[in-house]
Amino acid sequence: GQSSKNDGILRKGDKGPEVKEMQTNLITAGYDVGPSGADGEFGSDTESGLKAMQRDTNIEADGENGPITNQMLKQLISGKNTETPVYVTGKVYTLQSEMKVRTGPGTNYRAKKYSELTENGKKHDSDKDGALNKGTRVTCKAYKNVGDEIWMQTPSGWICAKGSKAYIK
């Protein structure tokens, strides 16, 4: 079964190895494609998994796997296979070490004081130095690439998510 519309876009009702590859990629990226997993059939469960991925990455959630969606999915996967996590807004991550909170993305922004953290942030700064404890769970509000670093905006402020290694996973 090749799809009748041979435009390179996978949509609900399509079957075959391309669908199976997309499903495998979605699963690797952490999205549910339904109980039958990567079965090569693009059904409603696969469509809702794809739409969730599109929403998370700010692509139009049309439930179709076109060039943009496919490219984004490959980026998500390539992130999974390396030590670099792919940060998604709205997801919760864990600090791998004590981390300074800054007023903006980058070391050229000043570090915040304890008094400037959110109420919840203060609970996770046991030595009151404006840096969140290792193991603190933070919600990603936004992220920004700065050189070869990735900075994550959390409710308390900006934290370096990845520099020479991943500080937030």
N, C-alpha and C. Protein backbone atom coordinates (compact mmCIF):
# COMPACT_ATOMS: atom_id res chain seq x y z
N GLY A 1 0.67 -1.22 0.00
CA GLY A 1 0.00 0.00 0.00
C GLY A 1 0.71 1.30 0.00
N GLN A 2 1.08 1.80 -1.17
CA GLN A 2 1.53 3.20 -1.25
C GLN A 2 0.29 4.07 -1.13
N SER A 3 0.44 5.28 -0.58
CA SER A 3 -0.72 6.14 -0.51
C SER A 3 -0.96 6.70 -1.91
N SER A 4 -2.24 6.90 -2.22
CA SER A 4 -2.60 7.36 -3.56
C SER A 4 -2.01 8.75 -3.83
N LYS A 5 -2.03 9.61 -2.78
CA LYS A 5 -1.42 10.93 -2.94
C LYS A 5 0.07 10.77 -2.68
N ASN A 6 0.86 10.68 -3.70
CA ASN A 6 2.28 10.44 -3.46
C ASN A 6 3.01 11.78 -3.33
N ASP A 7 2.66 12.53 -2.26
CA ASP A 7 3.26 13.85 -2.08
C ASP A 7 4.27 13.83 -0.93
N GLY A 8 4.58 12.64 -0.44
CA GLY A 8 5.57 12.55 0.63
C GLY A 8 5.00 12.91 1.99
N ILE A 9 3.70 13.17 2.06
CA ILE A 9 3.09 13.50 3.35
C ILE A 9 2.33 12.28 3.85
N LEU A 10 2.61 11.90 5.10
CA LEU A 10 1.89 10.78 5.69
C LEU A 10 0.68 11.33 6.44
N ARG A 11 -0.47 10.66 6.22
CA ARG A 11 -1.68 11.08 6.93
C ARG A 11 -2.48 9.84 7.33
N LYS A 12 -3.49 10.10 8.15
CA LYS A 12 -4.33 9.02 8.67
C LYS A 12 -4.84 8.15 7.53
N GLY A 13 -4.74 6.84 7.70
CA GLY A 13 -5.20 5.91 6.66
C GLY A 13 -4.04 5.34 5.87
N ASP A 14 -2.87 6.00 5.90
CA ASP A 14 -1.70 5.48 5.19
C ASP A 14 -1.15 4.26 5.92
N LYS A 15 -0.51 3.39 5.14
CA LYS A 15 0.12 2.19 5.71
C LYS A 15 1.49 2.02 5.07
N GLY A 16 2.35 1.28 5.75
CA GLY A 16 3.63 0.95 5.12
C GLY A 16 4.83 1.29 5.98
N PRO A 17 6.03 1.00 5.42
CA PRO A 17 7.26 1.19 6.17
C PRO A 17 7.52 2.63 6.60
N GLU A 18 7.08 3.61 5.79
CA GLU A 18 7.30 5.01 6.16
C GLU A 18 6.49 5.35 7.41
N VAL A 19 5.27 4.80 7.46
CA VAL A 19 4.42 5.03 8.63
C VAL A 19 5.06 4.40 9.86
N LYS A 20 5.58 3.17 9.66
CA LYS A 20 6.19 2.47 10.78
C LYS A 20 7.41 3.24 11.30
N GLU A 21 8.20 3.80 10.39
CA GLU A 21 9.38 4.57 10.78
C GLU A 21 8.95 5.81 11.58
N MET A 22 7.90 6.49 11.10
CA MET A 22 7.40 7.66 11.81
C MET A 22 6.91 7.28 13.21
N GLN A 23 6.20 6.15 13.31
CA GLN A 23 5.70 5.70 14.61
C GLN A 23 6.85 5.39 15.56
N THR A 24 7.87 4.70 15.04
CA THR A 24 9.04 4.38 15.86
C THR A 24 9.69 5.66 16.37
N ASN A 25 9.81 6.66 15.48
CA ASN A 25 10.39 7.94 15.86
C ASN A 25 9.56 8.64 16.93
N LEU A 26 8.23 8.60 16.78
CA LEU A 26 7.35 9.23 17.77
C LEU A 26 7.53 8.56 19.14
N ILE A 27 7.59 7.23 19.13
CA ILE A 27 7.76 6.49 20.38
C ILE A 27 9.11 6.85 21.03
N THR A 28 10.16 6.90 20.21
CA THR A 28 11.49 7.26 20.71
C THR A 28 11.47 8.66 21.32
N ALA A 29 10.71 9.56 20.69
CA ALA A 29 10.63 10.94 21.17
C ALA A 29 9.71 11.07 22.38
N GLY A 30 9.08 9.97 22.77
CA GLY A 30 8.26 9.99 23.98
C GLY A 30 6.78 10.21 23.76
N TYR A 31 6.30 9.94 22.54
CA TYR A 31 4.87 10.11 22.26
C TYR A 31 4.20 8.77 22.06
N ASP A 32 2.95 8.69 22.51
CA ASP A 32 2.19 7.44 22.46
C ASP A 32 1.50 7.33 21.11
N VAL A 33 1.67 6.21 20.43
CA VAL A 33 0.95 6.02 19.16
C VAL A 33 -0.11 4.93 19.29
N GLY A 34 -0.45 4.59 20.55
CA GLY A 34 -1.51 3.61 20.77
C GLY A 34 -0.98 2.25 21.16
N PRO A 35 -1.90 1.35 21.55
CA PRO A 35 -1.53 0.03 22.08
C PRO A 35 -0.79 -0.87 21.08
N SER A 36 -1.05 -0.69 19.78
CA SER A 36 -0.39 -1.58 18.82
C SER A 36 1.01 -1.11 18.44
N GLY A 37 1.43 0.06 18.98
CA GLY A 37 2.80 0.52 18.75
C GLY A 37 3.08 0.83 17.29
N ALA A 38 4.34 0.57 16.86
CA ALA A 38 4.74 0.87 15.49
C ALA A 38 4.29 -0.28 14.59
N ASP A 39 3.03 -0.23 14.16
CA ASP A 39 2.48 -1.34 13.36
C ASP A 39 2.40 -0.99 11.88
N GLY A 40 2.87 0.22 11.51
CA GLY A 40 2.85 0.59 10.10
C GLY A 40 1.49 1.04 9.60
N GLU A 41 0.53 1.22 10.53
CA GLU A 41 -0.79 1.70 10.12
C GLU A 41 -1.07 3.02 10.81
N PHE A 42 -1.36 4.06 10.02
CA PHE A 42 -1.59 5.40 10.53
C PHE A 42 -3.05 5.52 10.95
N GLY A 43 -3.33 5.21 12.22
CA GLY A 43 -4.71 5.30 12.71
C GLY A 43 -4.88 6.51 13.62
N SER A 44 -6.01 6.54 14.35
CA SER A 44 -6.33 7.69 15.22
C SER A 44 -5.31 7.87 16.33
N ASP A 45 -4.82 6.74 16.91
CA ASP A 45 -3.86 6.83 18.01
C ASP A 45 -2.55 7.46 17.52
N THR A 46 -2.13 7.04 16.33
CA THR A 46 -0.90 7.60 15.75
C THR A 46 -1.11 9.09 15.47
N GLU A 47 -2.30 9.41 14.95
CA GLU A 47 -2.61 10.80 14.65
C GLU A 47 -2.57 11.66 15.92
N SER A 48 -3.12 11.16 17.03
CA SER A 48 -3.12 11.98 18.24
C SER A 48 -1.71 12.10 18.82
N GLY A 49 -0.88 11.06 18.68
CA GLY A 49 0.51 11.15 19.11
C GLY A 49 1.27 12.19 18.29
N LEU A 50 1.01 12.20 16.98
CA LEU A 50 1.67 13.15 16.08
C LEU A 50 1.22 14.58 16.40
N LYS A 51 -0.08 14.74 16.66
CA LYS A 51 -0.60 16.08 16.98
C LYS A 51 0.00 16.59 18.29
N ALA A 52 0.18 15.72 19.26
CA ALA A 52 0.79 16.12 20.53
C ALA A 52 2.21 16.62 20.28
N MET A 53 2.95 15.90 19.45
CA MET A 53 4.32 16.31 19.13
C MET A 53 4.30 17.66 18.42
N GLN A 54 3.38 17.85 17.50
CA GLN A 54 3.29 19.11 16.77
C GLN A 54 2.97 20.27 17.72
N ARG A 55 2.04 20.03 18.63
CA ARG A 55 1.70 21.09 19.60
C ARG A 55 2.92 21.43 20.47
N ASP A 56 3.61 20.41 20.95
CA ASP A 56 4.77 20.62 21.82
C ASP A 56 5.88 21.40 21.12
N THR A 57 5.98 21.25 19.80
CA THR A 57 7.07 21.91 19.08
C THR A 57 6.58 23.11 18.27
N ASN A 58 5.34 23.55 18.58
CA ASN A 58 4.77 24.75 17.94
C ASN A 58 4.65 24.66 16.43
N ILE A 59 4.38 23.44 15.94
CA ILE A 59 4.07 23.27 14.51
C ILE A 59 2.54 23.22 14.44
N GLU A 60 1.98 23.63 13.31
CA GLU A 60 0.53 23.52 13.14
C GLU A 60 0.13 22.06 13.36
N ALA A 61 -0.77 21.83 14.32
CA ALA A 61 -1.14 20.45 14.67
C ALA A 61 -2.22 19.94 13.73
N ASP A 62 -1.81 19.57 12.51
CA ASP A 62 -2.77 19.08 11.53
C ASP A 62 -2.81 17.55 11.49
N GLY A 63 -1.93 16.91 12.29
CA GLY A 63 -1.94 15.45 12.33
C GLY A 63 -1.39 14.82 11.07
N GLU A 64 -0.69 15.61 10.25
CA GLU A 64 -0.07 15.06 9.04
C GLU A 64 1.43 15.19 9.16
N ASN A 65 2.13 14.17 8.69
CA ASN A 65 3.58 14.19 8.77
C ASN A 65 4.17 14.66 7.45
N GLY A 66 4.27 15.98 7.32
CA GLY A 66 4.88 16.57 6.14
C GLY A 66 6.35 16.87 6.41
N PRO A 67 7.01 17.58 5.48
CA PRO A 67 8.45 17.84 5.60
C PRO A 67 8.86 18.53 6.90
N ILE A 68 8.09 19.54 7.35
CA ILE A 68 8.47 20.28 8.55
C ILE A 68 8.35 19.38 9.78
N THR A 69 7.21 18.69 9.87
CA THR A 69 6.98 17.80 11.01
C THR A 69 8.03 16.70 11.03
N ASN A 70 8.31 16.13 9.88
CA ASN A 70 9.27 15.04 9.80
C ASN A 70 10.66 15.51 10.23
N GLN A 71 11.03 16.71 9.78
CA GLN A 71 12.33 17.28 10.13
C GLN A 71 12.41 17.48 11.65
N MET A 72 11.35 18.02 12.25
CA MET A 72 11.32 18.26 13.68
C MET A 72 11.41 16.94 14.44
N LEU A 73 10.70 15.93 13.94
CA LEU A 73 10.73 14.62 14.58
C LEU A 73 12.14 14.04 14.54
N LYS A 74 12.82 14.19 13.40
CA LYS A 74 14.20 13.70 13.30
C LYS A 74 15.12 14.44 14.27
N GLN A 75 14.87 15.75 14.45
CA GLN A 75 15.67 16.51 15.42
C GLN A 75 15.42 16.01 16.84
N LEU A 76 14.15 15.72 17.15
CA LEU A 76 13.82 15.22 18.48
C LEU A 76 14.55 13.90 18.72
N ILE A 77 14.57 13.04 17.70
CA ILE A 77 15.21 11.74 17.83
C ILE A 77 16.72 11.89 17.97
N SER A 78 17.30 12.74 17.11
CA SER A 78 18.76 12.86 17.15
C SER A 78 19.16 13.34 18.54
N GLY A 79 18.28 14.14 19.17
CA GLY A 79 18.54 14.57 20.53
C GLY A 79 18.48 13.42 21.51
N LYS A 80 17.62 12.43 21.23
CA LYS A 80 17.45 11.31 22.15
C LYS A 80 18.64 10.37 22.10
N ASN A 81 19.28 10.32 20.94
CA ASN A 81 20.37 9.34 20.79
C ASN A 81 21.69 9.85 21.32
N THR A 82 21.73 11.14 21.67
CA THR A 82 22.98 11.69 22.17
C THR A 82 22.76 12.05 23.63
N GLU A 83 23.73 12.67 24.23
CA GLU A 83 23.58 13.09 25.61
C GLU A 83 22.77 14.38 25.70
N THR A 84 22.47 15.00 24.57
CA THR A 84 21.76 16.27 24.61
C THR A 84 20.27 16.05 24.65
N PRO A 85 19.62 16.38 25.76
CA PRO A 85 18.17 16.23 25.75
C PRO A 85 17.56 17.32 24.87
N VAL A 86 16.38 17.05 24.32
CA VAL A 86 15.67 18.07 23.58
C VAL A 86 14.68 18.66 24.56
N TYR A 87 14.73 19.97 24.75
CA TYR A 87 13.86 20.58 25.73
C TYR A 87 12.55 20.99 25.09
N VAL A 88 11.47 20.66 25.75
CA VAL A 88 10.14 20.95 25.22
C VAL A 88 9.41 21.83 26.23
N THR A 89 8.83 22.93 25.76
CA THR A 89 8.12 23.82 26.68
C THR A 89 6.96 23.09 27.32
N GLY A 90 6.76 23.36 28.60
CA GLY A 90 5.67 22.73 29.33
C GLY A 90 6.07 21.44 30.02
N LYS A 91 7.22 20.86 29.65
CA LYS A 91 7.65 19.63 30.31
C LYS A 91 8.45 19.96 31.56
N VAL A 92 8.51 18.99 32.46
CA VAL A 92 9.23 19.17 33.72
C VAL A 92 10.56 18.43 33.64
N TYR A 93 11.62 19.11 34.07
CA TYR A 93 12.97 18.55 34.01
C TYR A 93 13.60 18.61 35.40
N THR A 94 14.69 17.86 35.58
CA THR A 94 15.36 17.79 36.87
C THR A 94 16.77 18.34 36.75
N LEU A 95 17.14 19.22 37.69
CA LEU A 95 18.50 19.78 37.69
C LEU A 95 19.49 18.69 38.09
N GLN A 96 20.57 18.57 37.33
CA GLN A 96 21.59 17.56 37.59
C GLN A 96 22.66 18.07 38.57
N SER A 97 22.64 19.36 38.84
CA SER A 97 23.57 19.93 39.83
C SER A 97 22.95 21.23 40.33
N GLU A 98 23.53 21.83 41.37
CA GLU A 98 23.02 23.11 41.85
C GLU A 98 23.24 24.14 40.74
N MET A 99 22.23 24.92 40.42
CA MET A 99 22.33 25.83 39.29
C MET A 99 21.93 27.23 39.66
N LYS A 100 22.74 28.20 39.21
CA LYS A 100 22.40 29.61 39.37
C LYS A 100 21.21 29.94 38.49
N VAL A 101 20.40 30.85 38.97
CA VAL A 101 19.26 31.34 38.20
C VAL A 101 19.63 32.75 37.75
N ARG A 102 19.49 33.02 36.45
CA ARG A 102 19.87 34.34 35.93
C ARG A 102 18.67 35.11 35.42
N THR A 103 18.89 36.41 35.22
CA THR A 103 17.79 37.27 34.77
C THR A 103 17.51 37.09 33.28
N GLY A 104 18.44 36.48 32.55
CA GLY A 104 18.23 36.28 31.12
C GLY A 104 19.08 35.12 30.64
N PRO A 105 18.92 34.71 29.37
CA PRO A 105 19.64 33.55 28.85
C PRO A 105 21.10 33.88 28.54
N GLY A 106 22.01 33.46 29.38
CA GLY A 106 23.44 33.67 29.12
C GLY A 106 24.17 34.17 30.36
N THR A 107 25.47 33.90 30.41
CA THR A 107 26.25 34.27 31.58
C THR A 107 26.48 35.78 31.66
N ASN A 108 26.15 36.51 30.59
CA ASN A 108 26.26 37.96 30.66
C ASN A 108 25.10 38.59 31.43
N TYR A 109 24.08 37.79 31.75
CA TYR A 109 23.01 38.28 32.61
C TYR A 109 23.37 37.97 34.05
N ARG A 110 22.97 38.86 34.97
CA ARG A 110 23.39 38.63 36.35
C ARG A 110 22.60 37.50 37.00
N ALA A 111 23.24 36.87 37.99
CA ALA A 111 22.58 35.81 38.75
C ALA A 111 21.57 36.46 39.70
N LYS A 112 20.46 35.79 39.91
CA LYS A 112 19.44 36.33 40.81
C LYS A 112 19.81 36.09 42.27
N LYS A 113 19.25 36.92 43.11
CA LYS A 113 19.39 36.71 44.56
C LYS A 113 18.25 35.81 45.01
N TYR A 114 18.46 35.21 46.19
CA TYR A 114 17.43 34.36 46.80
C TYR A 114 16.08 35.07 46.84
N SER A 115 16.11 36.36 47.19
CA SER A 115 14.86 37.13 47.35
C SER A 115 14.10 37.30 46.03
N GLU A 116 14.78 37.08 44.90
CA GLU A 116 14.13 37.27 43.60
C GLU A 116 13.52 35.99 43.04
N LEU A 117 13.75 34.87 43.71
CA LEU A 117 13.18 33.60 43.22
C LEU A 117 11.68 33.56 43.53
N THR A 118 10.97 32.68 42.84
CA THR A 118 9.55 32.48 43.15
C THR A 118 9.47 31.80 44.52
N GLU A 119 8.27 31.81 45.10
CA GLU A 119 8.09 31.15 46.40
C GLU A 119 8.54 29.69 46.32
N ASN A 120 8.15 29.04 45.23
CA ASN A 120 8.53 27.64 45.06
C ASN A 120 10.04 27.51 44.86
N GLY A 121 10.62 28.47 44.13
CA GLY A 121 12.06 28.45 43.91
C GLY A 121 12.82 28.56 45.23
N LYS A 122 12.33 29.42 46.13
CA LYS A 122 12.98 29.62 47.42
C LYS A 122 13.03 28.31 48.22
N LYS A 123 11.98 27.50 48.09
CA LYS A 123 11.93 26.23 48.81
C LYS A 123 13.05 25.30 48.36
N HIS A 124 13.54 25.51 47.13
CA HIS A 124 14.55 24.62 46.56
C HIS A 124 15.93 25.27 46.55
N ASP A 125 16.11 26.29 47.36
CA ASP A 125 17.42 26.94 47.47
C ASP A 125 17.82 26.88 48.95
N SER A 126 18.29 25.69 49.37
CA SER A 126 18.48 25.48 50.81
C SER A 126 19.57 26.37 51.40
N ASP A 127 20.60 26.76 50.61
CA ASP A 127 21.63 27.63 51.19
C ASP A 127 21.39 29.11 50.86
N LYS A 128 20.20 29.40 50.31
CA LYS A 128 19.75 30.78 50.07
C LYS A 128 20.75 31.63 49.29
N ASP A 129 21.40 31.01 48.30
CA ASP A 129 22.38 31.78 47.50
C ASP A 129 21.84 32.10 46.10
N GLY A 130 20.56 31.89 45.89
CA GLY A 130 19.97 32.20 44.59
C GLY A 130 20.15 31.10 43.56
N ALA A 131 20.78 29.98 43.97
CA ALA A 131 20.96 28.84 43.06
C ALA A 131 20.05 27.70 43.53
N LEU A 132 19.37 27.07 42.58
CA LEU A 132 18.45 25.99 42.93
C LEU A 132 19.23 24.70 43.20
N ASN A 133 18.76 23.94 44.20
CA ASN A 133 19.41 22.69 44.59
C ASN A 133 19.42 21.68 43.45
N LYS A 134 20.43 20.84 43.46
CA LYS A 134 20.45 19.67 42.58
C LYS A 134 19.20 18.84 42.84
N GLY A 135 18.58 18.31 41.78
CA GLY A 135 17.39 17.48 41.96
C GLY A 135 16.09 18.28 41.93
N THR A 136 16.19 19.63 41.89
CA THR A 136 14.97 20.45 41.79
C THR A 136 14.31 20.17 40.45
N ARG A 137 12.98 20.02 40.48
CA ARG A 137 12.25 19.82 39.24
C ARG A 137 11.75 21.18 38.75
N VAL A 138 12.05 21.50 37.49
CA VAL A 138 11.66 22.80 36.94
C VAL A 138 10.81 22.60 35.69
N THR A 139 9.89 23.51 35.49
CA THR A 139 9.06 23.46 34.28
C THR A 139 9.69 24.37 33.24
N CYS A 140 9.88 23.85 32.05
CA CYS A 140 10.46 24.63 30.96
C CYS A 140 9.39 25.55 30.38
N LYS A 141 9.60 26.87 30.49
CA LYS A 141 8.66 27.83 29.91
C LYS A 141 9.10 28.23 28.51
N ALA A 142 10.41 28.23 28.30
CA ALA A 142 10.97 28.58 26.99
C ALA A 142 12.42 28.13 27.03
N TYR A 143 13.05 28.07 25.87
CA TYR A 143 14.47 27.78 25.85
C TYR A 143 15.09 28.54 24.71
N LYS A 144 16.40 28.77 24.81
CA LYS A 144 17.07 29.59 23.81
C LYS A 144 18.48 29.05 23.63
N ASN A 145 18.88 28.92 22.39
CA ASN A 145 20.27 28.53 22.12
C ASN A 145 21.14 29.76 22.20
N VAL A 146 22.19 29.70 23.01
CA VAL A 146 23.13 30.81 23.12
C VAL A 146 24.51 30.21 22.83
N GLY A 147 25.04 30.47 21.63
CA GLY A 147 26.29 29.81 21.25
C GLY A 147 26.07 28.31 21.27
N ASP A 148 26.97 27.57 21.95
CA ASP A 148 26.72 26.13 22.01
C ASP A 148 26.09 25.73 23.33
N GLU A 149 25.49 26.70 24.01
CA GLU A 149 24.75 26.39 25.23
C GLU A 149 23.26 26.45 24.94
N ILE A 150 22.50 25.76 25.78
CA ILE A 150 21.04 25.88 25.73
C ILE A 150 20.61 26.43 27.08
N TRP A 151 19.85 27.50 27.07
CA TRP A 151 19.34 28.11 28.29
C TRP A 151 17.84 27.86 28.39
N MET A 152 17.39 27.52 29.60
CA MET A 152 15.98 27.23 29.81
C MET A 152 15.37 28.28 30.72
N GLN A 153 14.20 28.78 30.32
CA GLN A 153 13.49 29.70 31.19
C GLN A 153 12.57 28.90 32.10
N THR A 154 12.75 29.06 33.39
CA THR A 154 11.91 28.39 34.39
C THR A 154 11.11 29.48 35.09
N PRO A 155 10.11 29.11 35.89
CA PRO A 155 9.36 30.17 36.58
C PRO A 155 10.26 31.10 37.40
N SER A 156 11.36 30.59 37.98
CA SER A 156 12.24 31.45 38.78
C SER A 156 13.18 32.30 37.94
N GLY A 157 13.47 31.88 36.71
CA GLY A 157 14.41 32.63 35.88
C GLY A 157 15.11 31.70 34.91
N TRP A 158 16.21 32.18 34.32
CA TRP A 158 16.92 31.41 33.30
C TRP A 158 18.02 30.57 33.92
N ILE A 159 18.10 29.31 33.48
CA ILE A 159 19.12 28.39 33.98
C ILE A 159 19.82 27.78 32.77
N CYS A 160 21.13 27.60 32.86
CA CYS A 160 21.84 26.94 31.75
C CYS A 160 21.46 25.47 31.76
N ALA A 161 20.75 25.03 30.72
CA ALA A 161 20.30 23.64 30.66
C ALA A 161 21.41 22.74 30.14
N LYS A 162 22.20 23.28 29.19
CA LYS A 162 23.27 22.47 28.63
C LYS A 162 24.43 23.36 28.24
N GLY A 163 25.60 23.00 28.72
CA GLY A 163 26.83 23.66 28.31
C GLY A 163 27.73 22.57 27.79
N SER A 164 28.85 22.33 28.50
CA SER A 164 29.74 21.23 28.10
C SER A 164 29.05 19.89 28.36
N LYS A 165 28.09 19.87 29.29
CA LYS A 165 27.27 18.67 29.46
C LYS A 165 25.86 19.13 29.79
N ALA A 166 24.93 18.19 29.86
CA ALA A 166 23.55 18.56 30.16
C ALA A 166 23.39 18.73 31.67
N TYR A 167 22.98 19.91 32.08
CA TYR A 167 22.76 20.20 33.50
C TYR A 167 21.32 19.97 33.91
N ILE A 168 20.45 19.89 32.92
CA ILE A 168 19.04 19.67 33.19
C ILE A 168 18.59 18.51 32.32
N LYS A 169 17.98 17.51 32.94
CA LYS A 169 17.48 16.36 32.16
C LYS A 169 16.06 16.04 32.58
